[in-house]
Amino acid sequence: MWGEYTEGMDSILSRIPSWPGTAAISDVIRDPKGLFALLAVVILVLYGLSVGRTRALVSLLSIYVAYMLAVLFPFLSRVTENLPQQYRSLSSVGLFIVLYGLTFMILSQSMLKGRLTLGEISLWQVSVISLVQIGLLASICVSLISIERGQQLLGPLYRWFGGQYPLWGWAVASLLIMPFMKVRRGHE
């Protein structure tokens, strides 16, 4: 069954013009993990669109705070020594996800939420901020595990999310999109 899929996909991909990065996209589409990742991205973007602009910004701020707290957490070695060996490498990712959830809940209920409102922004702006959040979350999670484990989990997607350069790139991208998220007063 999978062979039929890849044959059909090869014929579709052979018709795509040879743009820079097209080969990397075709590698992702051919890999079942890549297809699952693309499905997850679509679901998360739809979720980002449903929660709205203010929560998207609160979520982005929560990612930064949770990452800082996870990296600075002084008790990680004590927590991991009580875990079975196969789960030790994922303990820092689990800590980050828990801290992200807690930070998001706290910031969502704080008076900061009213200050972070983006007003009415367009659909494409919410989509862009959702995609950047997904990239930043994935890159942080991959940076918290070993390189071998990250390459095993992500396959061809590792070059976009694994390592110091992609992590830095996603973090900078999330900051660079902020000025474009403002509403122009004439378009309200």
Protein backbone atom coordinates (compact mmCIF):
# COMPACT_ATOMS: atom_id res chain seq x y z
CA MET A 1 0.00 0.00 0.00
CA TRP A 2 2.77 2.44 0.91
CA GLY A 3 4.53 1.68 -2.40
CA GLU A 4 1.45 2.79 -4.34
CA TYR A 5 1.39 6.01 -2.39
CA THR A 6 5.05 6.80 -3.03
CA GLU A 7 4.72 6.02 -6.76
CA GLY A 8 1.78 8.42 -7.06
CA MET A 9 3.57 11.01 -4.97
CA ASP A 10 6.71 10.67 -7.13
CA SER A 11 4.68 11.46 -10.24
CA ILE A 12 3.16 14.53 -8.56
CA LEU A 13 6.52 15.72 -7.24
CA SER A 14 8.18 15.30 -10.65
CA ARG A 15 5.80 17.96 -12.01
CA ILE A 16 6.78 20.55 -9.41
CA PRO A 17 9.30 23.07 -10.79
CA SER A 18 12.80 22.80 -9.39
CA TRP A 19 12.83 25.70 -6.94
CA PRO A 20 15.38 25.98 -4.14
CA GLY A 21 14.19 23.80 -1.27
CA THR A 22 11.83 21.70 -3.41
CA ALA A 23 13.98 18.59 -3.00
CA ALA A 24 13.84 18.94 0.78
CA ILE A 25 10.05 19.28 0.69
CA SER A 26 9.75 16.18 -1.47
CA ASP A 27 11.89 14.25 1.03
CA VAL A 28 9.51 15.26 3.81
CA ILE A 29 6.41 14.29 1.84
CA ARG A 30 7.82 10.86 0.93
CA ASP A 31 8.56 10.01 4.56
CA PRO A 32 5.58 8.85 6.70
CA LYS A 33 6.99 10.84 9.63
CA GLY A 34 7.05 13.93 7.43
CA LEU A 35 3.43 13.46 6.43
CA PHE A 36 2.46 13.06 10.07
CA ALA A 37 4.41 16.23 10.90
CA LEU A 38 2.64 18.15 8.13
CA LEU A 39 -0.72 16.95 9.45
CA ALA A 40 0.26 18.08 12.94
CA VAL A 41 1.25 21.50 11.57
CA VAL A 42 -2.12 21.89 9.84
CA ILE A 43 -3.97 20.91 13.02
CA LEU A 44 -1.92 23.31 15.15
CA VAL A 45 -2.41 26.19 12.72
CA LEU A 46 -6.16 25.58 12.78
CA TYR A 47 -5.99 25.52 16.57
CA GLY A 48 -4.03 28.80 16.53
CA LEU A 49 -6.68 30.36 14.33
CA SER A 50 -9.42 29.22 16.68
CA VAL A 51 -7.84 30.60 19.88
CA GLY A 52 -7.32 34.04 18.38
CA ARG A 53 -4.75 36.71 18.29
CA THR A 54 -4.36 37.63 21.96
CA ARG A 55 -3.91 34.05 23.12
CA ALA A 56 -1.43 33.50 20.29
CA LEU A 57 0.73 36.31 21.64
CA VAL A 58 0.34 35.07 25.24
CA SER A 59 1.36 31.61 24.00
CA LEU A 60 4.45 32.99 22.30
CA LEU A 61 5.49 34.81 25.45
CA SER A 62 4.82 31.62 27.45
CA ILE A 63 7.19 29.68 25.19
CA TYR A 64 10.05 32.06 25.98
CA VAL A 65 9.37 32.05 29.72
CA ALA A 66 8.99 28.25 29.89
CA TYR A 67 12.19 27.67 27.95
CA MET A 68 14.12 29.98 30.24
CA LEU A 69 12.70 28.26 33.33
CA ALA A 70 13.36 24.77 31.92
CA VAL A 71 16.98 25.58 31.07
CA LEU A 72 17.56 27.17 34.47
CA PHE A 73 15.74 24.43 36.46
CA PRO A 74 18.29 23.34 39.11
CA PHE A 75 16.62 20.07 40.16
CA LEU A 76 16.50 18.25 36.81
CA SER A 77 19.24 15.78 37.76
CA ARG A 78 17.35 14.80 40.93
CA VAL A 79 14.14 14.29 38.96
CA THR A 80 15.79 12.26 36.20
CA GLU A 81 17.65 9.91 38.55
CA ASN A 82 14.30 8.49 39.70
CA LEU A 83 13.09 7.84 36.13
CA PRO A 84 13.70 4.67 34.10
CA GLN A 85 16.65 4.97 31.69
CA GLN A 86 14.55 5.15 28.50
CA TYR A 87 12.65 8.23 29.80
CA ARG A 88 15.61 10.23 31.10
CA SER A 89 16.37 11.90 27.78
CA LEU A 90 12.77 13.11 27.50
CA SER A 91 12.57 14.52 31.03
CA SER A 92 13.74 18.00 30.01
CA VAL A 93 11.14 18.06 27.19
CA GLY A 94 8.44 17.00 29.65
CA LEU A 95 9.57 19.70 32.08
CA PHE A 96 9.42 22.31 29.32
CA ILE A 97 5.91 21.24 28.28
CA VAL A 98 4.66 21.33 31.88
CA LEU A 99 6.23 24.75 32.45
CA TYR A 100 4.77 26.00 29.16
CA GLY A 101 1.29 24.85 30.18
CA LEU A 102 1.58 26.44 33.61
CA THR A 103 3.02 29.68 32.24
CA PHE A 104 0.31 29.88 29.58
CA MET A 105 -2.43 29.38 32.19
CA ILE A 106 -0.93 32.01 34.50
CA LEU A 107 -0.41 34.60 31.75
CA SER A 108 -3.87 33.92 30.29
CA GLN A 109 -5.46 34.80 33.62
CA SER A 110 -3.21 37.75 34.45
CA MET A 111 -3.75 41.43 33.83
CA LEU A 112 -0.95 41.16 31.26
CA LYS A 113 -3.44 39.58 28.86
CA GLY A 114 -5.24 42.91 28.43
CA ARG A 115 -1.96 44.65 27.66
CA LEU A 116 -0.93 42.13 25.01
CA THR A 117 -4.01 42.43 22.86
CA LEU A 118 -3.28 42.67 19.17
CA GLY A 119 -6.63 44.12 18.22
CA GLU A 120 -8.18 42.92 15.01
CA ILE A 121 -5.55 41.32 12.81
CA SER A 122 -6.02 39.40 9.63
CA LEU A 123 -6.24 35.69 9.05
CA TRP A 124 -2.80 35.52 7.46
CA GLN A 125 -1.23 37.28 10.44
CA VAL A 126 -2.69 34.77 12.89
CA SER A 127 -1.54 31.96 10.55
CA VAL A 128 2.01 33.33 10.46
CA ILE A 129 2.24 33.69 14.23
CA SER A 130 0.87 30.14 14.63
CA LEU A 131 3.43 28.69 12.21
CA VAL A 132 6.28 30.51 13.94
CA GLN A 133 5.07 29.23 17.32
CA ILE A 134 4.99 25.68 16.00
CA GLY A 135 8.51 26.04 14.64
CA LEU A 136 9.79 27.53 17.88
CA LEU A 137 8.11 24.84 20.03
CA ALA A 138 9.43 22.03 17.84
CA SER A 139 12.93 23.49 17.77
CA ILE A 140 13.00 23.92 21.55
CA CYS A 141 11.79 20.36 22.15
CA VAL A 142 14.39 18.97 19.73
CA SER A 143 17.14 21.04 21.35
CA LEU A 144 16.32 19.50 24.73
CA ILE A 145 16.94 15.92 23.54
CA SER A 146 20.04 14.28 22.10
CA ILE A 147 21.00 14.87 18.47
CA GLU A 148 20.65 11.17 17.63
CA ARG A 149 17.17 11.00 19.12
CA GLY A 150 16.14 14.19 17.32
CA GLN A 151 17.38 12.89 13.97
CA GLN A 152 15.60 9.59 14.58
CA LEU A 153 12.31 11.29 15.45
CA LEU A 154 12.30 13.97 12.75
CA GLY A 155 14.16 12.41 9.86
CA PRO A 156 14.50 14.97 7.03
CA LEU A 157 12.75 17.64 9.12
CA TYR A 158 15.68 17.71 11.53
CA ARG A 159 17.57 20.27 9.44
CA TRP A 160 14.75 22.80 10.01
CA PHE A 161 14.22 22.19 13.73
CA GLY A 162 17.32 20.52 15.19
CA GLY A 163 20.48 22.25 16.30
CA GLN A 164 21.50 25.66 17.50
CA TYR A 165 21.03 27.52 14.21
CA PRO A 166 17.38 26.51 13.61
CA LEU A 167 16.55 27.24 17.26
CA TRP A 168 18.10 30.68 16.96
CA GLY A 169 16.35 31.25 13.64
CA TRP A 170 12.89 30.38 14.99
CA ALA A 171 13.47 32.55 18.07
CA VAL A 172 14.52 35.51 15.95
CA ALA A 173 11.65 34.94 13.51
CA SER A 174 9.15 35.10 16.37
CA LEU A 175 10.55 38.48 17.38
CA LEU A 176 10.75 39.83 13.83
CA ILE A 177 7.09 39.15 13.09
CA MET A 178 5.85 41.20 16.05
CA PRO A 179 6.01 44.64 14.34
CA PHE A 180 3.90 43.27 11.47
CA MET A 181 1.20 42.04 13.86
CA LYS A 182 -0.02 45.55 14.68
CA VAL A 183 -3.28 46.81 13.30
CA ARG A 184 -3.24 49.82 11.06
CA ARG A 185 -5.77 52.34 12.33
CA GLY A 186 -7.19 53.01 8.87
CA HIS A 187 -8.17 49.34 8.38
CA GLU A 188 -10.35 48.80 11.44
